Amino acid sequence: MKKFVPDLICESVFAVDLDKLKERQISGLLVDIDNTLVPWGEPQMEEAFVDWVKRALQEGFQICLVSNAKHDRAQSFADLLGIPAVGMALKPLGRAFRRGMALLGLAPNQVAVIGDQLFTDVFGGNRLGLYTILINPLSTNELDTTKLMRRIERSLLEKMVKRGMISRKHAQIRQGRESDD
């Protein structure tokens, strides 16, 4: 179960503390697209997300989009942002994350993965020893298989809380609720 435990859980990319990532010597970000930067299936990225990527780049981070989406979709957002992309990623296998790290010229200890799925972004990143950040999905509009995985994910997160692997507060952030603490 350890391979599914994210290093950090945040409400959105906007809640990711870039200064703390720098303190961890993280200089590269492998960022998911669908439901992380863009609602699933939407053709355009909101300006706030474009600005977040630009700010991270200005702060010295290298960024590569790593998405299970088709190459054309991933590349269109990469072109918009002026960064590289890996599409058709099959993230849990790890090859796409390795390719993204190679495009950035960085080692695993220098890279964080930011994404909305436990079974793709977190699991794939953890398998390679990357720092993993799980964020809430931007939309409930997604593939039926993803909806099924979300149900399994909720159950797994609850088990993680019971075993002390993540805090109740982080589980509540993931569920989109304020902490009762």
N, C-alpha and C. Protein backbone atom coordinates (compact mmCIF):
# COMPACT_ATOMS: atom_id res chain seq x y z
N MET A 1 0.82 -1.20 0.00
CA MET A 1 0.00 0.00 0.00
C MET A 1 0.86 1.26 0.00
N LYS A 2 2.12 1.16 0.44
CA LYS A 2 2.99 2.33 0.52
C LYS A 2 3.17 3.03 -0.82
N LYS A 3 3.14 2.27 -1.91
CA LYS A 3 3.33 2.86 -3.24
C LYS A 3 2.18 3.78 -3.66
N PHE A 4 1.07 3.71 -2.92
CA PHE A 4 -0.08 4.56 -3.23
C PHE A 4 -0.18 5.78 -2.32
N VAL A 5 0.73 5.91 -1.37
CA VAL A 5 0.68 7.02 -0.42
C VAL A 5 1.39 8.24 -1.02
N PRO A 6 0.64 9.32 -1.24
CA PRO A 6 1.29 10.53 -1.75
C PRO A 6 2.13 11.19 -0.67
N ASP A 7 3.16 11.90 -1.11
CA ASP A 7 3.97 12.66 -0.17
C ASP A 7 3.22 13.87 0.35
N LEU A 8 2.31 14.39 -0.46
CA LEU A 8 1.57 15.59 -0.11
C LEU A 8 0.20 15.54 -0.77
N ILE A 9 -0.80 16.05 -0.09
CA ILE A 9 -2.14 16.19 -0.65
C ILE A 9 -2.53 17.66 -0.56
N CYS A 10 -2.93 18.23 -1.69
CA CYS A 10 -3.33 19.64 -1.76
C CYS A 10 -4.67 19.75 -2.49
N GLU A 11 -5.36 20.83 -2.24
CA GLU A 11 -6.64 21.04 -2.91
C GLU A 11 -6.48 21.24 -4.41
N SER A 12 -5.44 21.96 -4.82
CA SER A 12 -5.22 22.24 -6.23
C SER A 12 -3.75 22.60 -6.43
N VAL A 13 -3.36 22.81 -7.68
CA VAL A 13 -1.98 23.23 -7.93
C VAL A 13 -1.68 24.56 -7.25
N PHE A 14 -2.71 25.37 -7.06
CA PHE A 14 -2.50 26.68 -6.43
C PHE A 14 -2.09 26.55 -4.96
N ALA A 15 -2.40 25.42 -4.34
CA ALA A 15 -2.05 25.19 -2.94
C ALA A 15 -0.67 24.54 -2.78
N VAL A 16 -0.03 24.19 -3.87
CA VAL A 16 1.30 23.60 -3.80
C VAL A 16 2.30 24.70 -3.47
N ASP A 17 3.03 24.53 -2.39
CA ASP A 17 4.00 25.53 -1.95
C ASP A 17 5.31 25.32 -2.70
N LEU A 18 5.53 26.13 -3.71
CA LEU A 18 6.73 26.00 -4.54
C LEU A 18 8.01 26.25 -3.76
N ASP A 19 7.95 27.13 -2.77
CA ASP A 19 9.14 27.38 -1.95
C ASP A 19 9.54 26.13 -1.15
N LYS A 20 8.55 25.42 -0.65
CA LYS A 20 8.86 24.19 0.09
C LYS A 20 9.43 23.12 -0.84
N LEU A 21 8.97 23.10 -2.08
CA LEU A 21 9.55 22.16 -3.03
C LEU A 21 11.02 22.51 -3.28
N LYS A 22 11.31 23.79 -3.40
CA LYS A 22 12.71 24.22 -3.57
C LYS A 22 13.55 23.79 -2.38
N GLU A 23 13.00 23.92 -1.18
CA GLU A 23 13.73 23.50 0.03
C GLU A 23 14.05 22.01 -0.02
N ARG A 24 13.22 21.23 -0.69
CA ARG A 24 13.45 19.80 -0.85
C ARG A 24 14.39 19.50 -2.02
N GLN A 25 14.92 20.54 -2.63
CA GLN A 25 15.81 20.42 -3.79
C GLN A 25 15.07 19.91 -5.03
N ILE A 26 13.77 20.15 -5.09
CA ILE A 26 12.97 19.80 -6.27
C ILE A 26 13.10 20.94 -7.26
N SER A 27 13.49 20.61 -8.48
CA SER A 27 13.61 21.64 -9.52
C SER A 27 12.81 21.30 -10.77
N GLY A 28 12.19 20.14 -10.79
CA GLY A 28 11.39 19.74 -11.94
C GLY A 28 10.03 19.25 -11.53
N LEU A 29 9.03 19.57 -12.35
CA LEU A 29 7.66 19.17 -12.09
C LEU A 29 7.11 18.41 -13.30
N LEU A 30 6.62 17.21 -13.06
CA LEU A 30 5.90 16.45 -14.07
C LEU A 30 4.43 16.62 -13.71
N VAL A 31 3.70 17.33 -14.56
CA VAL A 31 2.34 17.74 -14.21
C VAL A 31 1.33 17.09 -15.16
N ASP A 32 0.33 16.49 -14.57
CA ASP A 32 -0.79 15.92 -15.31
C ASP A 32 -1.59 17.05 -15.95
N ILE A 33 -2.35 16.72 -16.97
CA ILE A 33 -3.18 17.74 -17.63
C ILE A 33 -4.64 17.63 -17.17
N ASP A 34 -5.30 16.54 -17.58
CA ASP A 34 -6.74 16.43 -17.37
C ASP A 34 -7.11 16.30 -15.90
N ASN A 35 -7.96 17.21 -15.48
CA ASN A 35 -8.47 17.35 -14.12
C ASN A 35 -7.41 17.79 -13.12
N THR A 36 -6.24 18.18 -13.64
CA THR A 36 -5.20 18.80 -12.80
C THR A 36 -5.02 20.25 -13.22
N LEU A 37 -4.80 20.48 -14.53
CA LEU A 37 -4.67 21.84 -15.06
C LEU A 37 -5.87 22.26 -15.91
N VAL A 38 -6.61 21.27 -16.41
CA VAL A 38 -7.74 21.52 -17.30
C VAL A 38 -8.84 20.53 -16.94
N PRO A 39 -10.09 20.96 -16.82
CA PRO A 39 -11.15 19.98 -16.62
C PRO A 39 -11.13 18.95 -17.76
N TRP A 40 -11.38 17.68 -17.40
CA TRP A 40 -11.29 16.59 -18.37
C TRP A 40 -12.12 16.90 -19.62
N GLY A 41 -11.50 16.75 -20.79
CA GLY A 41 -12.18 16.93 -22.06
C GLY A 41 -12.30 18.36 -22.54
N GLU A 42 -11.98 19.32 -21.70
CA GLU A 42 -12.09 20.73 -22.10
C GLU A 42 -10.95 21.07 -23.06
N PRO A 43 -11.22 21.89 -24.07
CA PRO A 43 -10.20 22.20 -25.07
C PRO A 43 -9.26 23.34 -24.68
N GLN A 44 -9.61 24.10 -23.65
CA GLN A 44 -8.79 25.26 -23.30
C GLN A 44 -8.45 25.26 -21.82
N MET A 45 -7.29 25.83 -21.54
CA MET A 45 -6.83 25.98 -20.15
C MET A 45 -7.19 27.38 -19.66
N GLU A 46 -7.76 27.44 -18.47
CA GLU A 46 -8.09 28.74 -17.89
C GLU A 46 -6.81 29.52 -17.64
N GLU A 47 -6.92 30.81 -17.75
CA GLU A 47 -5.75 31.70 -17.61
C GLU A 47 -5.05 31.54 -16.26
N ALA A 48 -5.80 31.28 -15.20
CA ALA A 48 -5.19 31.11 -13.88
C ALA A 48 -4.19 29.96 -13.87
N PHE A 49 -4.48 28.89 -14.59
CA PHE A 49 -3.57 27.75 -14.64
C PHE A 49 -2.35 28.05 -15.52
N VAL A 50 -2.59 28.78 -16.61
CA VAL A 50 -1.47 29.24 -17.45
C VAL A 50 -0.54 30.10 -16.60
N ASP A 51 -1.12 31.00 -15.82
CA ASP A 51 -0.33 31.88 -14.96
C ASP A 51 0.45 31.09 -13.91
N TRP A 52 -0.17 30.03 -13.34
CA TRP A 52 0.52 29.20 -12.35
C TRP A 52 1.76 28.55 -12.96
N VAL A 53 1.61 28.01 -14.17
CA VAL A 53 2.75 27.38 -14.85
C VAL A 53 3.82 28.42 -15.12
N LYS A 54 3.43 29.58 -15.61
CA LYS A 54 4.40 30.64 -15.90
C LYS A 54 5.14 31.08 -14.63
N ARG A 55 4.41 31.18 -13.52
CA ARG A 55 5.03 31.57 -12.26
C ARG A 55 6.04 30.52 -11.81
N ALA A 56 5.67 29.24 -11.92
CA ALA A 56 6.59 28.17 -11.54
C ALA A 56 7.84 28.20 -12.42
N LEU A 57 7.66 28.46 -13.70
CA LEU A 57 8.82 28.57 -14.60
C LEU A 57 9.70 29.75 -14.21
N GLN A 58 9.07 30.88 -13.90
CA GLN A 58 9.83 32.07 -13.48
C GLN A 58 10.58 31.83 -12.18
N GLU A 59 10.04 30.96 -11.32
CA GLU A 59 10.71 30.65 -10.07
C GLU A 59 11.80 29.59 -10.23
N GLY A 60 12.06 29.21 -11.49
CA GLY A 60 13.17 28.32 -11.77
C GLY A 60 12.84 26.85 -11.95
N PHE A 61 11.57 26.50 -11.88
CA PHE A 61 11.20 25.10 -12.08
C PHE A 61 11.19 24.76 -13.56
N GLN A 62 11.61 23.55 -13.88
CA GLN A 62 11.42 23.00 -15.21
C GLN A 62 10.14 22.18 -15.14
N ILE A 63 9.34 22.25 -16.20
CA ILE A 63 8.04 21.57 -16.17
C ILE A 63 7.86 20.78 -17.46
N CYS A 64 7.34 19.57 -17.28
CA CYS A 64 6.95 18.74 -18.41
C CYS A 64 5.54 18.22 -18.12
N LEU A 65 4.66 18.33 -19.10
CA LEU A 65 3.33 17.75 -18.97
C LEU A 65 3.43 16.26 -19.24
N VAL A 66 2.84 15.46 -18.39
CA VAL A 66 2.81 14.01 -18.57
C VAL A 66 1.36 13.58 -18.43
N SER A 67 0.79 13.12 -19.55
CA SER A 67 -0.65 12.87 -19.58
C SER A 67 -0.98 11.56 -20.26
N ASN A 68 -2.03 10.92 -19.80
CA ASN A 68 -2.55 9.74 -20.49
C ASN A 68 -3.36 10.13 -21.72
N ALA A 69 -3.57 11.43 -21.92
CA ALA A 69 -4.31 11.92 -23.08
C ALA A 69 -3.52 11.66 -24.36
N LYS A 70 -4.21 11.77 -25.48
CA LYS A 70 -3.56 11.57 -26.77
C LYS A 70 -2.45 12.61 -26.97
N HIS A 71 -1.47 12.23 -27.79
CA HIS A 71 -0.32 13.10 -28.04
C HIS A 71 -0.73 14.51 -28.47
N ASP A 72 -1.70 14.59 -29.38
CA ASP A 72 -2.11 15.91 -29.89
C ASP A 72 -2.64 16.81 -28.79
N ARG A 73 -3.43 16.26 -27.88
CA ARG A 73 -3.98 17.06 -26.77
C ARG A 73 -2.85 17.52 -25.86
N ALA A 74 -1.99 16.59 -25.49
CA ALA A 74 -0.87 16.95 -24.61
C ALA A 74 0.02 18.00 -25.28
N GLN A 75 0.31 17.81 -26.55
CA GLN A 75 1.20 18.73 -27.25
C GLN A 75 0.58 20.12 -27.41
N SER A 76 -0.74 20.18 -27.60
CA SER A 76 -1.37 21.50 -27.76
C SER A 76 -1.22 22.33 -26.49
N PHE A 77 -1.38 21.69 -25.32
CA PHE A 77 -1.19 22.44 -24.08
C PHE A 77 0.29 22.74 -23.85
N ALA A 78 1.17 21.85 -24.22
CA ALA A 78 2.61 22.09 -24.08
C ALA A 78 3.02 23.28 -24.95
N ASP A 79 2.49 23.34 -26.16
CA ASP A 79 2.80 24.46 -27.05
C ASP A 79 2.31 25.78 -26.46
N LEU A 80 1.11 25.77 -25.90
CA LEU A 80 0.56 26.96 -25.25
C LEU A 80 1.49 27.46 -24.15
N LEU A 81 2.05 26.53 -23.38
CA LEU A 81 2.86 26.87 -22.22
C LEU A 81 4.36 26.98 -22.52
N GLY A 82 4.77 26.53 -23.69
CA GLY A 82 6.18 26.57 -24.05
C GLY A 82 7.03 25.57 -23.28
N ILE A 83 6.45 24.40 -23.01
CA ILE A 83 7.16 23.36 -22.26
C ILE A 83 7.00 22.03 -22.98
N PRO A 84 7.81 21.03 -22.64
CA PRO A 84 7.65 19.71 -23.27
C PRO A 84 6.48 18.93 -22.71
N ALA A 85 6.09 17.88 -23.45
CA ALA A 85 4.99 17.02 -23.01
C ALA A 85 5.23 15.59 -23.43
N VAL A 86 4.67 14.69 -22.65
CA VAL A 86 4.64 13.28 -22.97
C VAL A 86 3.17 12.88 -22.94
N GLY A 87 2.64 12.48 -24.09
CA GLY A 87 1.25 12.04 -24.17
C GLY A 87 1.17 10.52 -24.19
N MET A 88 -0.05 10.01 -24.11
CA MET A 88 -0.29 8.55 -24.11
C MET A 88 0.63 7.88 -23.10
N ALA A 89 0.65 8.44 -21.90
CA ALA A 89 1.69 8.14 -20.92
C ALA A 89 1.64 6.75 -20.29
N LEU A 90 0.46 6.19 -20.08
CA LEU A 90 0.37 4.93 -19.33
C LEU A 90 1.20 5.05 -18.05
N LYS A 91 0.89 6.05 -17.28
CA LYS A 91 1.71 6.45 -16.13
C LYS A 91 2.08 5.37 -15.12
N PRO A 92 1.21 4.48 -14.77
CA PRO A 92 1.63 3.53 -13.75
C PRO A 92 2.86 2.72 -14.15
N LEU A 93 3.10 2.58 -15.45
CA LEU A 93 4.26 1.80 -15.91
C LEU A 93 5.57 2.53 -15.67
N GLY A 94 5.54 3.86 -15.61
CA GLY A 94 6.73 4.63 -15.29
C GLY A 94 7.53 5.14 -16.47
N ARG A 95 7.34 4.57 -17.65
CA ARG A 95 8.15 4.99 -18.81
C ARG A 95 7.96 6.46 -19.13
N ALA A 96 6.72 6.93 -19.04
CA ALA A 96 6.46 8.34 -19.37
C ALA A 96 7.13 9.27 -18.36
N PHE A 97 7.13 8.89 -17.09
CA PHE A 97 7.81 9.71 -16.09
C PHE A 97 9.31 9.71 -16.36
N ARG A 98 9.88 8.56 -16.74
CA ARG A 98 11.31 8.51 -17.09
C ARG A 98 11.59 9.41 -18.29
N ARG A 99 10.71 9.36 -19.27
CA ARG A 99 10.88 10.21 -20.46
C ARG A 99 10.79 11.69 -20.08
N GLY A 100 9.83 12.02 -19.23
CA GLY A 100 9.70 13.40 -18.77
C GLY A 100 10.94 13.87 -18.03
N MET A 101 11.48 13.02 -17.15
CA MET A 101 12.71 13.38 -16.43
C MET A 101 13.87 13.55 -17.41
N ALA A 102 13.93 12.70 -18.43
CA ALA A 102 14.99 12.82 -19.43
C ALA A 102 14.86 14.13 -20.20
N LEU A 103 13.63 14.51 -20.56
CA LEU A 103 13.42 15.77 -21.26
C LEU A 103 13.86 16.96 -20.41
N LEU A 104 13.71 16.83 -19.10
CA LEU A 104 14.13 17.91 -18.19
C LEU A 104 15.59 17.77 -17.78
N GLY A 105 16.18 16.61 -18.01
CA GLY A 105 17.58 16.37 -17.63
C GLY A 105 17.75 16.29 -16.12
N LEU A 106 16.77 15.71 -15.42
CA LEU A 106 16.80 15.67 -13.96
C LEU A 106 16.72 14.24 -13.43
N ALA A 107 17.24 14.06 -12.23
CA ALA A 107 17.21 12.78 -11.53
C ALA A 107 15.92 12.68 -10.71
N PRO A 108 15.52 11.46 -10.32
CA PRO A 108 14.28 11.29 -9.56
C PRO A 108 14.19 12.14 -8.29
N ASN A 109 15.29 12.32 -7.56
CA ASN A 109 15.23 13.10 -6.32
C ASN A 109 15.05 14.59 -6.56
N GLN A 110 15.07 15.02 -7.81
CA GLN A 110 14.89 16.44 -8.15
C GLN A 110 13.51 16.73 -8.72
N VAL A 111 12.64 15.70 -8.78
CA VAL A 111 11.38 15.83 -9.51
C VAL A 111 10.17 15.51 -8.63
N ALA A 112 9.12 16.31 -8.82
CA ALA A 112 7.83 16.05 -8.19
C ALA A 112 6.80 15.79 -9.28
N VAL A 113 5.87 14.90 -8.98
CA VAL A 113 4.73 14.63 -9.85
C VAL A 113 3.51 15.29 -9.22
N ILE A 114 2.75 16.01 -10.03
CA ILE A 114 1.52 16.63 -9.55
C ILE A 114 0.37 16.11 -10.40
N GLY A 115 -0.60 15.48 -9.74
CA GLY A 115 -1.73 14.95 -10.49
C GLY A 115 -2.91 14.64 -9.60
N ASP A 116 -4.02 14.30 -10.22
CA ASP A 116 -5.27 14.11 -9.50
C ASP A 116 -5.64 12.65 -9.25
N GLN A 117 -4.81 11.71 -9.71
CA GLN A 117 -5.19 10.30 -9.57
C GLN A 117 -4.16 9.51 -8.76
N LEU A 118 -4.67 8.79 -7.80
CA LEU A 118 -3.83 7.96 -6.94
C LEU A 118 -3.22 6.80 -7.71
N PHE A 119 -4.00 6.16 -8.58
CA PHE A 119 -3.55 4.95 -9.25
C PHE A 119 -2.70 5.21 -10.50
N THR A 120 -2.60 6.44 -10.93
CA THR A 120 -1.75 6.76 -12.08
C THR A 120 -0.61 7.68 -11.65
N ASP A 121 -0.95 8.88 -11.24
CA ASP A 121 0.07 9.88 -10.91
C ASP A 121 0.89 9.48 -9.68
N VAL A 122 0.23 9.16 -8.59
CA VAL A 122 0.93 8.86 -7.34
C VAL A 122 1.65 7.51 -7.44
N PHE A 123 0.94 6.48 -7.84
CA PHE A 123 1.54 5.16 -7.93
C PHE A 123 2.72 5.16 -8.90
N GLY A 124 2.53 5.73 -10.09
CA GLY A 124 3.61 5.78 -11.07
C GLY A 124 4.81 6.56 -10.58
N GLY A 125 4.56 7.70 -9.93
CA GLY A 125 5.66 8.51 -9.39
C GLY A 125 6.38 7.82 -8.25
N ASN A 126 5.62 7.21 -7.35
CA ASN A 126 6.23 6.52 -6.21
C ASN A 126 7.08 5.34 -6.65
N ARG A 127 6.67 4.65 -7.68
CA ARG A 127 7.44 3.50 -8.17
C ARG A 127 8.85 3.92 -8.58
N LEU A 128 8.99 5.18 -8.99
CA LEU A 128 10.30 5.67 -9.44
C LEU A 128 11.01 6.51 -8.39
N GLY A 129 10.43 6.64 -7.21
CA GLY A 129 11.06 7.41 -6.15
C GLY A 129 10.92 8.91 -6.30
N LEU A 130 9.88 9.36 -7.02
CA LEU A 130 9.63 10.78 -7.19
C LEU A 130 8.79 11.30 -6.01
N TYR A 131 8.85 12.59 -5.77
CA TYR A 131 8.01 13.23 -4.76
C TYR A 131 6.63 13.36 -5.38
N THR A 132 5.60 12.85 -4.72
CA THR A 132 4.27 12.82 -5.33
C THR A 132 3.29 13.73 -4.60
N ILE A 133 2.55 14.49 -5.40
CA ILE A 133 1.57 15.43 -4.88
C ILE A 133 0.22 15.12 -5.52
N LEU A 134 -0.73 14.75 -4.67
CA LEU A 134 -2.08 14.43 -5.11
C LEU A 134 -2.95 15.66 -4.90
N ILE A 135 -3.64 16.06 -5.94
CA ILE A 135 -4.56 17.20 -5.83
C ILE A 135 -5.98 16.74 -6.16
N ASN A 136 -6.94 17.54 -5.80
CA ASN A 136 -8.33 17.22 -6.11
C ASN A 136 -8.59 17.43 -7.59
N PRO A 137 -9.41 16.57 -8.19
CA PRO A 137 -9.75 16.75 -9.60
C PRO A 137 -10.57 18.03 -9.80
N LEU A 138 -10.38 18.65 -10.94
CA LEU A 138 -11.10 19.90 -11.25
C LEU A 138 -12.57 19.66 -11.58
N SER A 139 -12.89 18.46 -12.03
CA SER A 139 -14.25 18.18 -12.49
C SER A 139 -14.64 16.75 -12.16
N THR A 140 -15.94 16.52 -12.05
CA THR A 140 -16.43 15.15 -11.89
C THR A 140 -16.73 14.53 -13.25
N ASN A 141 -16.59 15.33 -14.29
CA ASN A 141 -16.76 14.82 -15.65
C ASN A 141 -15.49 14.07 -16.03
N GLU A 142 -15.59 12.75 -16.19
CA GLU A 142 -14.43 11.95 -16.53
C GLU A 142 -14.88 10.59 -17.07
N LEU A 143 -13.94 9.80 -17.52
CA LEU A 143 -14.25 8.48 -18.03
C LEU A 143 -14.92 7.62 -16.97
N ASP A 144 -15.77 6.70 -17.39
CA ASP A 144 -16.42 5.80 -16.44
C ASP A 144 -15.41 4.98 -15.67
N THR A 145 -14.33 4.57 -16.32
CA THR A 145 -13.30 3.80 -15.61
C THR A 145 -12.64 4.64 -14.53
N THR A 146 -12.45 5.91 -14.79
CA THR A 146 -11.87 6.80 -13.78
C THR A 146 -12.84 6.96 -12.61
N LYS A 147 -14.11 7.07 -12.89
CA LYS A 147 -15.11 7.18 -11.82
C LYS A 147 -15.07 5.95 -10.92
N LEU A 148 -14.93 4.78 -11.52
CA LEU A 148 -14.81 3.55 -10.74
C LEU A 148 -13.56 3.58 -9.88
N MET A 149 -12.45 4.01 -10.46
CA MET A 149 -11.20 4.07 -9.72
C MET A 149 -11.28 5.08 -8.58
N ARG A 150 -12.06 6.13 -8.74
CA ARG A 150 -12.23 7.12 -7.67
C ARG A 150 -12.89 6.46 -6.44
N ARG A 151 -13.85 5.58 -6.68
CA ARG A 151 -14.49 4.88 -5.57
C ARG A 151 -13.50 4.00 -4.83
N ILE A 152 -12.70 3.29 -5.59
CA ILE A 152 -11.68 2.43 -4.98
C ILE A 152 -10.65 3.29 -4.24
N GLU A 153 -10.31 4.42 -4.83
CA GLU A 153 -9.36 5.35 -4.22
C GLU A 153 -9.86 5.84 -2.86
N ARG A 154 -11.13 6.21 -2.77
CA ARG A 154 -11.69 6.68 -1.49
C ARG A 154 -11.55 5.62 -0.41
N SER A 155 -11.82 4.39 -0.76
CA SER A 155 -11.68 3.29 0.19
C SER A 155 -10.22 3.12 0.61
N LEU A 156 -9.32 3.20 -0.34
CA LEU A 156 -7.89 3.05 -0.03
C LEU A 156 -7.40 4.20 0.85
N LEU A 157 -7.84 5.40 0.57
CA LEU A 157 -7.45 6.55 1.40
C LEU A 157 -7.92 6.37 2.84
N GLU A 158 -9.13 5.84 3.00
CA GLU A 158 -9.65 5.60 4.35
C GLU A 158 -8.79 4.56 5.08
N LYS A 159 -8.36 3.54 4.37
CA LYS A 159 -7.47 2.54 4.97
C LYS A 159 -6.14 3.17 5.36
N MET A 160 -5.65 4.10 4.53
CA MET A 160 -4.40 4.78 4.84
C MET A 160 -4.52 5.60 6.12
N VAL A 161 -5.68 6.25 6.29
CA VAL A 161 -5.92 7.02 7.51
C VAL A 161 -5.90 6.09 8.72
N LYS A 162 -6.62 4.98 8.63
CA LYS A 162 -6.71 4.03 9.74
C LYS A 162 -5.34 3.46 10.11
N ARG A 163 -4.47 3.31 9.13
CA ARG A 163 -3.14 2.76 9.38
C ARG A 163 -2.11 3.85 9.71
N GLY A 164 -2.56 5.09 9.75
CA GLY A 164 -1.65 6.19 10.09
C GLY A 164 -0.70 6.57 8.97
N MET A 165 -1.04 6.21 7.74
CA MET A 165 -0.17 6.51 6.60
C MET A 165 -0.40 7.92 6.05
N ILE A 166 -1.61 8.43 6.22
CA ILE A 166 -1.93 9.82 5.91
C ILE A 166 -2.82 10.33 7.04
N SER A 167 -2.87 11.63 7.18
CA SER A 167 -3.69 12.21 8.25
C SER A 167 -5.15 12.32 7.81
N ARG A 168 -6.02 12.37 8.78
CA ARG A 168 -7.45 12.59 8.52
C ARG A 168 -7.62 13.92 7.78
N LYS A 169 -6.84 14.91 8.18
CA LYS A 169 -6.91 16.23 7.54
C LYS A 169 -6.64 16.12 6.04
N HIS A 170 -5.60 15.36 5.67
CA HIS A 170 -5.28 15.21 4.25
C HIS A 170 -6.35 14.43 3.51
N ALA A 171 -6.91 13.43 4.15
CA ALA A 171 -8.01 12.68 3.53
C ALA A 171 -9.20 13.60 3.29
N GLN A 172 -9.47 14.49 4.23
CA GLN A 172 -10.58 15.43 4.08
C GLN A 172 -10.30 16.44 2.98
N ILE A 173 -9.05 16.87 2.86
CA ILE A 173 -8.69 17.77 1.75
C ILE A 173 -8.98 17.07 0.44
N ARG A 174 -8.58 15.81 0.34
CA ARG A 174 -8.79 15.03 -0.87
C ARG A 174 -10.27 14.87 -1.18
N GLN A 175 -11.08 14.78 -0.16
CA GLN A 175 -12.52 14.62 -0.36
C GLN A 175 -13.22 15.96 -0.54
N GLY A 176 -12.42 17.04 -0.56
CA GLY A 176 -12.98 18.36 -0.78
C GLY A 176 -13.71 18.94 0.40
N ARG A 177 -13.34 18.47 1.61
CA ARG A 177 -13.98 18.97 2.83
C ARG A 177 -12.96 19.66 3.69
N GLU A 178 -13.44 20.61 4.44
CA GLU A 178 -12.60 21.27 5.43
C GLU A 178 -12.30 20.29 6.56
N SER A 179 -11.18 20.47 7.19
CA SER A 179 -10.80 19.61 8.32
C SER A 179 -11.67 19.93 9.53
N ASP A 180 -12.02 18.88 10.29
CA ASP A 180 -12.76 19.06 11.53
C ASP A 180 -11.80 19.35 12.69
N ASP A 181 -10.51 19.20 12.46
CA ASP A 181 -9.50 19.35 13.52
C ASP A 181 -9.43 20.77 14.05
